[in-house]
Amino acid sequence: MTNSPAQPTDRPDWYKSSYSEGSGNACVEVAIQASKVLVRDSKDLTTPYFGVSTAAWSAFVDHATR
């Protein structure tokens, strides 16, 4: 019997923003990990994502949806 390396379990579950354009041309995805909200461009997964605090994300969403 051989042991295989443990698979990472901390991979974020990404969700497409409900504010993303429906045609697929302007897709933003977000994920919650620990006390951060991660944000990435779903059109180019090779670029890094960035994280902000949940408080900063809430303030952004509040401002953007006014």
Protein backbone atom coordinates (compact mmCIF):
# COMPACT_ATOMS: atom_id res chain seq x y z
CA MET A 1 0.00 0.00 0.00
CA THR A 2 1.34 3.42 -0.91
CA ASN A 3 0.40 6.70 0.62
CA SER A 4 -0.49 9.51 -1.72
CA PRO A 5 0.10 13.09 -0.78
CA ALA A 6 -2.85 14.82 0.81
CA GLN A 7 -4.87 16.93 -1.56
CA PRO A 8 -5.18 20.58 -0.61
CA THR A 9 -8.47 21.25 1.07
CA ASP A 10 -8.11 25.00 1.28
CA ARG A 11 -8.90 25.70 -2.37
CA PRO A 12 -11.51 28.41 -2.58
CA ASP A 13 -14.94 27.72 -4.02
CA TRP A 14 -15.40 30.41 -6.65
CA TYR A 15 -18.79 31.94 -7.47
CA LYS A 16 -19.62 34.19 -10.38
CA SER A 17 -20.79 37.59 -9.21
CA SER A 18 -24.48 38.22 -9.76
CA TYR A 19 -23.43 41.61 -11.14
CA SER A 20 -21.32 40.08 -13.92
CA GLU A 21 -22.49 40.62 -17.44
CA GLY A 22 -24.53 37.68 -18.74
CA SER A 23 -22.69 37.42 -22.06
CA GLY A 24 -19.53 36.15 -20.39
CA ASN A 25 -17.43 39.15 -21.36
CA ALA A 26 -17.20 40.79 -17.95
CA CYS A 27 -17.03 38.00 -15.39
CA VAL A 28 -15.89 38.56 -11.86
CA GLU A 29 -15.74 35.63 -9.47
CA VAL A 30 -15.55 35.79 -5.70
CA ALA A 31 -14.74 33.29 -2.98
CA ILE A 32 -14.79 33.43 0.80
CA GLN A 33 -11.70 32.11 2.56
CA ALA A 34 -11.10 32.64 6.27
CA SER A 35 -11.92 36.30 6.90
CA LYS A 36 -11.23 37.46 3.35
CA VAL A 37 -13.17 37.82 0.15
CA LEU A 38 -11.10 36.75 -2.84
CA VAL A 39 -11.75 38.34 -6.25
CA ARG A 40 -10.57 37.19 -9.68
CA ASP A 41 -11.19 37.70 -13.37
CA SER A 42 -12.77 34.49 -14.62
CA LYS A 43 -11.69 35.20 -18.21
CA ASP A 44 -7.99 34.87 -17.33
CA LEU A 45 -7.31 32.39 -14.54
CA THR A 46 -3.56 32.77 -15.00
CA THR A 47 -3.62 36.22 -13.41
CA PRO A 48 -3.47 36.39 -9.63
CA TYR A 49 -6.54 37.03 -7.55
CA PHE A 50 -6.63 39.51 -4.72
CA GLY A 51 -8.22 39.42 -1.29
CA VAL A 52 -9.89 42.07 0.81
CA SER A 53 -11.36 41.97 4.29
CA THR A 54 -15.02 41.06 4.58
CA ALA A 55 -15.68 44.56 5.98
CA ALA A 56 -14.04 46.18 2.93
CA TRP A 57 -16.03 43.93 0.58
CA SER A 58 -19.29 44.77 2.35
CA ALA A 59 -18.54 48.49 2.08
CA PHE A 60 -17.73 48.09 -1.64
CA VAL A 61 -20.93 46.15 -2.38
CA ASP A 62 -23.00 48.63 -0.38
CA HIS A 63 -21.54 51.53 -2.34
CA ALA A 64 -21.79 49.77 -5.72
CA THR A 65 -25.44 48.83 -5.30
CA ARG A 66 -26.76 52.27 -4.36
